[in-house]
C-alpha atoms as a PDB file:
ATOM      1  CA  UNK A   1      -4.816  16.997   6.718  1.00  0.00           C
ATOM      2  CA  UNK A   2      -2.253  15.947   9.316  1.00  0.00           C
ATOM      3  CA  UNK A   3      -5.043  14.341  11.330  1.00  0.00           C
ATOM      4  CA  UNK A   4      -6.164  12.297   8.499  1.00  0.00           C
ATOM      5  CA  UNK A   5      -2.467  11.162   7.854  1.00  0.00           C
ATOM      6  CA  UNK A   6      -2.137  10.336  11.664  1.00  0.00           C
ATOM      7  CA  UNK A   7      -5.379   8.143  11.638  1.00  0.00           C
ATOM      8  CA  UNK A   8      -4.135   6.181   8.377  1.00  0.00           C
ATOM      9  CA  UNK A   9      -0.952   5.475   9.939  1.00  0.00           C
ATOM     10  CA  UNK A  10      -2.500   4.288  13.114  1.00  0.00           C
ATOM     11  CA  UNK A  11      -4.645   1.829  11.050  1.00  0.00           C
ATOM     12  CA  UNK A  12      -1.155   0.845   9.153  1.00  0.00           C
ATOM     13  CA  UNK A  13       0.401   0.219  12.685  1.00  0.00           C
ATOM     14  CA  UNK A  14      -2.400  -2.304  13.841  1.00  0.00           C
ATOM     15  CA  UNK A  15      -2.466  -3.896  10.541  1.00  0.00           C
ATOM     16  CA  UNK A  16       1.317  -4.426  10.681  1.00  0.00           C
ATOM     17  CA  UNK A  17       1.165  -5.778  13.868  1.00  0.00           C
ATOM     18  CA  UNK A  18      -1.693  -8.426  13.010  1.00  0.00           C
ATOM     19  CA  UNK A  19      -0.087  -9.541  10.094  1.00  0.00           C
ATOM     20  CA  UNK A  20       3.347 -10.303  11.596  1.00  0.00           C
ATOM     21  CA  UNK A  21       1.433 -12.265  14.138  1.00  0.00           C
ATOM     22  CA  UNK A  22      -0.719 -14.110  11.681  1.00  0.00           C
ATOM     23  CA  UNK A  23       2.592 -14.860   9.699  1.00  0.00           C
ATOM     24  CA  UNK A  24       4.227 -16.501  12.689  1.00  0.00           C
ATOM     25  CA  UNK A  25       1.151 -18.412  13.395  1.00  0.00           C
ATOM     26  CA  UNK A  26       0.465 -19.728  10.407  1.00  0.00           C
ATOM     27  CA  UNK A  27       4.173 -20.240   8.944  1.00  0.00           C
ATOM     28  CA  UNK A  28       3.373 -18.206   5.831  1.00  0.00           C
ATOM     29  CA  UNK A  29       6.016 -15.998   4.256  1.00  0.00           C
ATOM     30  CA  UNK A  30       6.700 -14.362   1.244  1.00  0.00           C
ATOM     31  CA  UNK A  31       9.596 -16.059  -0.789  1.00  0.00           C
ATOM     32  CA  UNK A  32      13.207 -14.771  -0.605  1.00  0.00           C
ATOM     33  CA  UNK A  33      13.871 -11.724  -2.685  1.00  0.00           C
ATOM     34  CA  UNK A  34      10.238 -12.104  -4.336  1.00  0.00           C
ATOM     35  CA  UNK A  35       8.518  -8.854  -5.615  1.00  0.00           C
ATOM     36  CA  UNK A  36       6.256 -10.579  -8.268  1.00  0.00           C
ATOM     37  CA  UNK A  37       3.332  -8.912  -6.612  1.00  0.00           C
ATOM     38  CA  UNK A  38       4.845  -5.206  -6.892  1.00  0.00           C
ATOM     39  CA  UNK A  39       5.491  -6.214 -10.565  1.00  0.00           C
ATOM     40  CA  UNK A  40       1.866  -6.965 -11.590  1.00  0.00           C
ATOM     41  CA  UNK A  41       0.805  -4.558 -14.032  1.00  0.00           C
ATOM     42  CA  UNK A  42      -2.752  -2.733 -13.619  1.00  0.00           C
ATOM     43  CA  UNK A  43      -2.460  -2.484  -9.760  1.00  0.00           C
ATOM     44  CA  UNK A  44      -5.148   0.082  -8.512  1.00  0.00           C
ATOM     45  CA  UNK A  45      -5.262   1.732  -5.160  1.00  0.00           C
ATOM     46  CA  UNK A  46      -7.330   4.651  -3.445  1.00  0.00           C
ATOM     47  CA  UNK A  47      -5.680   8.129  -2.833  1.00  0.00           C
ATOM     48  CA  UNK A  48      -6.171   8.155   1.068  1.00  0.00           C
ATOM     49  CA  UNK A  49      -3.752   4.879   1.485  1.00  0.00           C
ATOM     50  CA  UNK A  50      -0.902   6.895   0.097  1.00  0.00           C
ATOM     51  CA  UNK A  51      -1.288  10.104   2.295  1.00  0.00           C
ATOM     52  CA  UNK A  52       1.515   8.854   4.683  1.00  0.00           C
ATOM     53  CA  UNK A  53       3.882   8.288   1.713  1.00  0.00           C
ATOM     54  CA  UNK A  54       2.949  11.689   0.390  1.00  0.00           C
ATOM     55  CA  UNK A  55       3.505  13.493   3.748  1.00  0.00           C
ATOM     56  CA  UNK A  56       7.251  11.858   3.976  1.00  0.00           C
ATOM     57  CA  UNK A  57       8.058  12.657   0.352  1.00  0.00           C
ATOM     58  CA  UNK A  58       6.735  16.493   0.918  1.00  0.00           C
ATOM     59  CA  UNK A  59       8.573  16.717   4.316  1.00  0.00           C
ATOM     60  CA  UNK A  60      11.746  15.401   2.870  1.00  0.00           C
ATOM     61  CA  UNK A  61      11.606  17.276  -0.536  1.00  0.00           C
ATOM     62  CA  UNK A  62      11.506  14.469  -2.469  1.00  0.00           C
ATOM     63  CA  UNK A  63       8.024  14.938  -3.699  1.00  0.00           C
ATOM     64  CA  UNK A  64       9.193  16.796  -6.873  1.00  0.00           C
ATOM     65  CA  UNK A  65      11.465  14.085  -8.044  1.00  0.00           C
ATOM     66  CA  UNK A  66       8.616  11.603  -7.201  1.00  0.00           C
ATOM     67  CA  UNK A  67       6.222  13.701  -9.699  1.00  0.00           C
ATOM     68  CA  UNK A  68       9.022  13.659 -12.148  1.00  0.00           C
ATOM     69  CA  UNK A  69       9.205   9.647 -12.065  1.00  0.00           C
ATOM     70  CA  UNK A  70       5.520   9.710 -12.568  1.00  0.00           C
ATOM     71  CA  UNK A  71       5.636  11.840 -15.724  1.00  0.00           C
ATOM     72  CA  UNK A  72       7.469   9.238 -17.048  1.00  0.00           C
ATOM     73  CA  UNK A  73       4.734   6.848 -17.085  1.00  0.00           C
ATOM     74  CA  UNK A  74       6.627   4.167 -15.461  1.00  0.00           C
ATOM     75  CA  UNK A  75       5.388   0.518 -16.027  1.00  0.00           C
ATOM     76  CA  UNK A  76       5.055  -0.452 -12.463  1.00  0.00           C
ATOM     77  CA  UNK A  77       5.060   1.578  -9.134  1.00  0.00           C
ATOM     78  CA  UNK A  78       7.588   4.281  -8.732  1.00  0.00           C
ATOM     79  CA  UNK A  79       8.757   2.662  -5.357  1.00  0.00           C
ATOM     80  CA  UNK A  80       9.989  -0.336  -6.904  1.00  0.00           C
ATOM     81  CA  UNK A  81      13.709  -0.292  -6.458  1.00  0.00           C
ATOM     82  CA  UNK A  82      15.131  -1.901  -9.638  1.00  0.00           C
ATOM     83  CA  UNK A  83      18.647  -3.883  -9.539  1.00  0.00           C
ATOM     84  CA  UNK A  84      20.917  -4.639 -12.482  1.00  0.00           C
ATOM     85  CA  UNK A  85      19.100  -7.957 -13.105  1.00  0.00           C
ATOM     86  CA  UNK A  86      16.664  -7.524 -15.573  1.00  0.00           C
ATOM     87  CA  UNK A  87      13.152  -8.590 -14.753  1.00  0.00           C
ATOM     88  CA  UNK A  88      13.987  -8.544 -11.006  1.00  0.00           C
ATOM     89  CA  UNK A  89      13.624  -5.610  -8.246  1.00  0.00           C
ATOM     90  CA  UNK A  90      15.371  -5.013  -4.944  1.00  0.00           C
ATOM     91  CA  UNK A  91      12.099  -4.400  -3.334  1.00  0.00           C
ATOM     92  CA  UNK A  92      10.345  -1.402  -2.214  1.00  0.00           C
ATOM     93  CA  UNK A  93      12.281   1.683  -1.826  1.00  0.00           C
ATOM     94  CA  UNK A  94       9.638   3.168   0.894  1.00  0.00           C
ATOM     95  CA  UNK A  95       8.625  -0.090   2.657  1.00  0.00           C
ATOM     96  CA  UNK A  96       7.566   1.718   6.051  1.00  0.00           C
ATOM     97  CA  UNK A  97       5.338   4.273   3.954  1.00  0.00           C
ATOM     98  CA  UNK A  98       3.849   1.595   1.458  1.00  0.00           C
ATOM     99  CA  UNK A  99       0.016   1.653   0.889  1.00  0.00           C
ATOM    100  CA  UNK A 100      -2.958  -0.404   2.261  1.00  0.00           C
ATOM    101  CA  UNK A 101      -2.820  -2.934  -0.749  1.00  0.00           C
ATOM    102  CA  UNK A 102       0.876  -3.589  -0.284  1.00  0.00           C
ATOM    103  CA  UNK A 103       0.606  -4.280   3.528  1.00  0.00           C
ATOM    104  CA  UNK A 104      -2.671  -6.746   3.105  1.00  0.00           C
ATOM    105  CA  UNK A 105      -1.619  -8.645   0.170  1.00  0.00           C
ATOM    106  CA  UNK A 106      -0.457 -12.082   1.305  1.00  0.00           C
ATOM    107  CA  UNK A 107      -1.331 -12.141   4.915  1.00  0.00           C
ATOM    108  CA  UNK A 108      -5.039 -11.020   5.128  1.00  0.00           C
ATOM    109  CA  UNK A 109      -8.190 -12.655   4.303  1.00  0.00           C
ATOM    110  CA  UNK A 110     -11.352 -12.104   1.871  1.00  0.00           C
ATOM    111  CA  UNK A 111     -14.560 -13.754   2.195  1.00  0.00           C
ATOM    112  CA  UNK A 112     -16.195 -15.764  -0.658  1.00  0.00           C
ATOM    113  CA  UNK A 113     -19.896 -15.917  -1.865  1.00  0.00           C
ATOM    114  CA  UNK A 114     -20.589 -18.132   1.207  1.00  0.00           C
ATOM    115  CA  UNK A 115     -18.847 -15.869   3.644  1.00  0.00           C
ATOM    116  CA  UNK A 116     -16.049 -18.216   4.024  1.00  0.00           C
ATOM    117  CA  UNK A 117     -12.668 -16.784   4.632  1.00  0.00           C
ATOM    118  CA  UNK A 118      -9.987 -17.459   2.062  1.00  0.00           C
ATOM    119  CA  UNK A 119      -6.263 -16.361   2.482  1.00  0.00           C
ATOM    120  CA  UNK A 120      -5.544 -13.295  -0.115  1.00  0.00           C
ATOM    121  CA  UNK A 121      -2.252 -14.325  -1.477  1.00  0.00           C
ATOM    122  CA  UNK A 122      -0.153 -15.595  -4.581  1.00  0.00           C
ATOM    123  CA  UNK A 123       0.048 -18.637  -6.293  1.00  0.00           C
ATOM    124  CA  UNK A 124       3.692 -18.796  -5.380  1.00  0.00           C
ATOM    125  CA  UNK A 125       3.339 -18.712  -1.710  1.00  0.00           C
ATOM    126  CA  UNK A 126       0.609 -21.391  -2.032  1.00  0.00           C
ATOM    127  CA  UNK A 127       3.032 -23.533  -3.737  1.00  0.00           C
ATOM    128  CA  UNK A 128       5.950 -22.920  -1.739  1.00  0.00           C
ATOM    129  CA  UNK A 129       4.142 -23.356   1.366  1.00  0.00           C
ATOM    130  CA  UNK A 130       1.323 -25.835   0.520  1.00  0.00           C
ATOM    131  CA  UNK A 131       1.127 -27.518   3.480  1.00  0.00           C
ATOM    132  CA  UNK A 132       0.905 -24.257   5.739  1.00  0.00           C
ATOM    133  CA  UNK A 133      -1.496 -22.771   3.554  1.00  0.00           C
ATOM    134  CA  UNK A 134      -3.905 -25.839   3.505  1.00  0.00           C
ATOM    135  CA  UNK A 135      -3.920 -25.609   7.492  1.00  0.00           C
ATOM    136  CA  UNK A 136      -4.188 -22.220   7.428  1.00  0.00           C
ATOM    137  CA  UNK A 137      -7.242 -22.372   5.212  1.00  0.00           C
ATOM    138  CA  UNK A 138      -9.032 -24.502   7.722  1.00  0.00           C
ATOM    139  CA  UNK A 139      -7.956 -22.793  10.854  1.00  0.00           C
ATOM    140  CA  UNK A 140      -8.735 -18.938   9.637  1.00  0.00           C
ATOM    141  CA  UNK A 141     -12.317 -20.270   9.673  1.00  0.00           C
ATOM    142  CA  UNK A 142     -12.116 -21.708  13.116  1.00  0.00           C
ATOM    143  CA  UNK A 143      -9.664 -20.828  15.607  1.00  0.00           C
ATOM    144  CA  UNK A 144      -6.740 -18.722  13.606  1.00  0.00           C
ATOM    145  CA  UNK A 145      -7.366 -14.838  13.696  1.00  0.00           C
ATOM    146  CA  UNK A 146      -6.313 -13.133  10.280  1.00  0.00           C
ATOM    147  CA  UNK A 147      -6.794  -9.414   9.149  1.00  0.00           C
ATOM    148  CA  UNK A 148      -9.869  -9.156   6.837  1.00  0.00           C
ATOM    149  CA  UNK A 149      -9.232  -6.947   3.693  1.00  0.00           C
ATOM    150  CA  UNK A 150     -12.778  -5.298   3.858  1.00  0.00           C
ATOM    151  CA  UNK A 151     -12.472  -4.343   7.508  1.00  0.00           C
ATOM    152  CA  UNK A 152      -9.437  -2.248   7.153  1.00  0.00           C
ATOM    153  CA  UNK A 153     -10.875  -0.592   4.014  1.00  0.00           C
ATOM    154  CA  UNK A 154     -13.718   0.227   6.027  1.00  0.00           C
ATOM    155  CA  UNK A 155     -11.649   1.816   8.546  1.00  0.00           C
ATOM    156  CA  UNK A 156      -9.956   4.230   6.281  1.00  0.00           C
ATOM    157  CA  UNK A 157     -13.086   4.749   4.430  1.00  0.00           C
ATOM    158  CA  UNK A 158     -14.489   6.691   7.703  1.00  0.00           C
ATOM    159  CA  UNK A 159     -11.374   8.760   7.864  1.00  0.00           C
ATOM    160  CA  UNK A 160     -12.125  10.391   4.320  1.00  0.00           C
ATOM    161  CA  UNK A 161     -14.841   8.897   2.050  1.00  0.00           C
ATOM    162  CA  UNK A 162     -13.912  10.774  -0.866  1.00  0.00           C
ATOM    163  CA  UNK A 163     -10.138  10.058  -1.266  1.00  0.00           C
ATOM    164  CA  UNK A 164     -10.748   6.604   0.175  1.00  0.00           C
ATOM    165  CA  UNK A 165     -13.160   5.956  -2.928  1.00  0.00           C
ATOM    166  CA  UNK A 166     -10.648   7.648  -5.524  1.00  0.00           C
ATOM    167  CA  UNK A 167      -9.093   4.679  -7.002  1.00  0.00           C
ATOM    168  CA  UNK A 168      -6.758   4.824  -9.822  1.00  0.00           C
ATOM    169  CA  UNK A 169      -3.584   3.312 -11.395  1.00  0.00           C
ATOM    170  CA  UNK A 170      -1.081   3.171  -8.098  1.00  0.00           C
ATOM    171  CA  UNK A 171       1.302   5.795  -9.651  1.00  0.00           C
ATOM    172  CA  UNK A 172      -1.703   8.023 -10.408  1.00  0.00           C
ATOM    173  CA  UNK A 173      -3.126   7.735  -6.678  1.00  0.00           C
ATOM    174  CA  UNK A 174       0.478   8.585  -5.350  1.00  0.00           C
ATOM    175  CA  UNK A 175       0.306  11.657  -7.670  1.00  0.00           C
ATOM    176  CA  UNK A 176      -2.870  12.847  -6.196  1.00  0.00           C
ATOM    177  CA  UNK A 177      -1.968  12.186  -2.553  1.00  0.00           C
ATOM    178  CA  UNK A 178       1.273  14.091  -3.192  1.00  0.00           C
ATOM    179  CA  UNK A 179      -0.686  17.206  -4.672  1.00  0.00           C
ATOM    180  CA  UNK A 180      -2.852  17.113  -1.796  1.00  0.00           C
ATOM    181  CA  UNK A 181      -0.226  16.920   0.736  1.00  0.00           C
ATOM    182  CA  UNK A 182       2.347  19.481  -0.981  1.00  0.00           C
ATOM    183  CA  UNK A 183      -0.578  22.090  -1.335  1.00  0.00           C
ATOM    184  CA  UNK A 184      -1.659  21.648   2.443  1.00  0.00           C
ATOM    185  CA  UNK A 185       2.059  21.637   3.492  1.00  0.00           C
ATOM    186  CA  UNK A 186       2.799  25.029   1.719  1.00  0.00           C
ATOM    187  CA  UNK A 187      -0.325  26.925   2.598  1.00  0.00           C
ATOM    188  CA  UNK A 188      -1.176  25.242   6.259  1.00  0.00           C
ATOM    189  CA  UNK A 189       2.588  24.634   7.342  1.00  0.00           C
ATOM    190  CA  UNK A 190       5.955  26.132   7.439  1.00  0.00           C
ATOM    191  CA  UNK A 191       7.176  24.778   3.891  1.00  0.00           C
ATOM    192  CA  UNK A 192      10.728  23.596   3.342  1.00  0.00           C
ATOM    193  CA  UNK A 193      10.333  25.103  -0.151  1.00  0.00           C
ATOM    194  CA  UNK A 194       7.748  26.044  -2.485  1.00  0.00           C
ATOM    195  CA  UNK A 195       5.985  22.845  -4.028  1.00  0.00           C
ATOM    196  CA  UNK A 196       6.235  24.332  -7.821  1.00  0.00           C
ATOM    197  CA  UNK A 197       5.243  21.188  -9.178  1.00  0.00           C
ATOM    198  CA  UNK A 198       1.538  21.398  -7.519  1.00  0.00           C
ATOM    199  CA  UNK A 199       0.816  25.143  -8.406  1.00  0.00           C
ATOM    200  CA  UNK A 200      -1.079  23.711 -11.594  1.00  0.00           C
ATOM    201  CA  UNK A 201      -2.894  20.788 -11.319  1.00  0.00           C
ATOM    202  CA  UNK A 202      -1.089  17.747 -12.761  1.00  0.00           C
ATOM    203  CA  UNK A 203      -4.279  15.897 -13.347  1.00  0.00           C
ATOM    204  CA  UNK A 204      -7.380  17.141 -14.970  1.00  0.00           C
END
């Protein structure tokens, strides 16, 4: 389990370097204090991409609180830190441990039916940085390197194909990842405390 977590983290670290470089070269960036992508309902992710988050939560005895929060069936990802202004957020509360879907959006590319690359981003960024966006759309098909979504999903697929193919609403995948890591942490590592929340399966 720890080996898989470390492998996912290495892929994340490489992706972060590439997206940071792409952002600088393209001039594209998220709007100030914008978390609209995080607010989107119905987001799905796989279990594997949340193993690093689950490990962080279990190691720091935060997993039970996370599971309790998931049990309330929140509308958005449990890691979205809310602020006083209704409908807005302060951002991700565990940014360093966010999933692959979160790291890719805005600064990566997908291929269309003609194998042409297109920036995988939102309408707000396209509108705010319209000039940079148009130029970037041209350059990523000629001389500008951009991380490709499918490439990184293939990379984690080869770490554990079963967990990589286990797609669920984002909070369900976080729960499943916590259960797997907590089980491992209790039985294979020296526990901080017994993860009582996962003695019985939380998901049928």
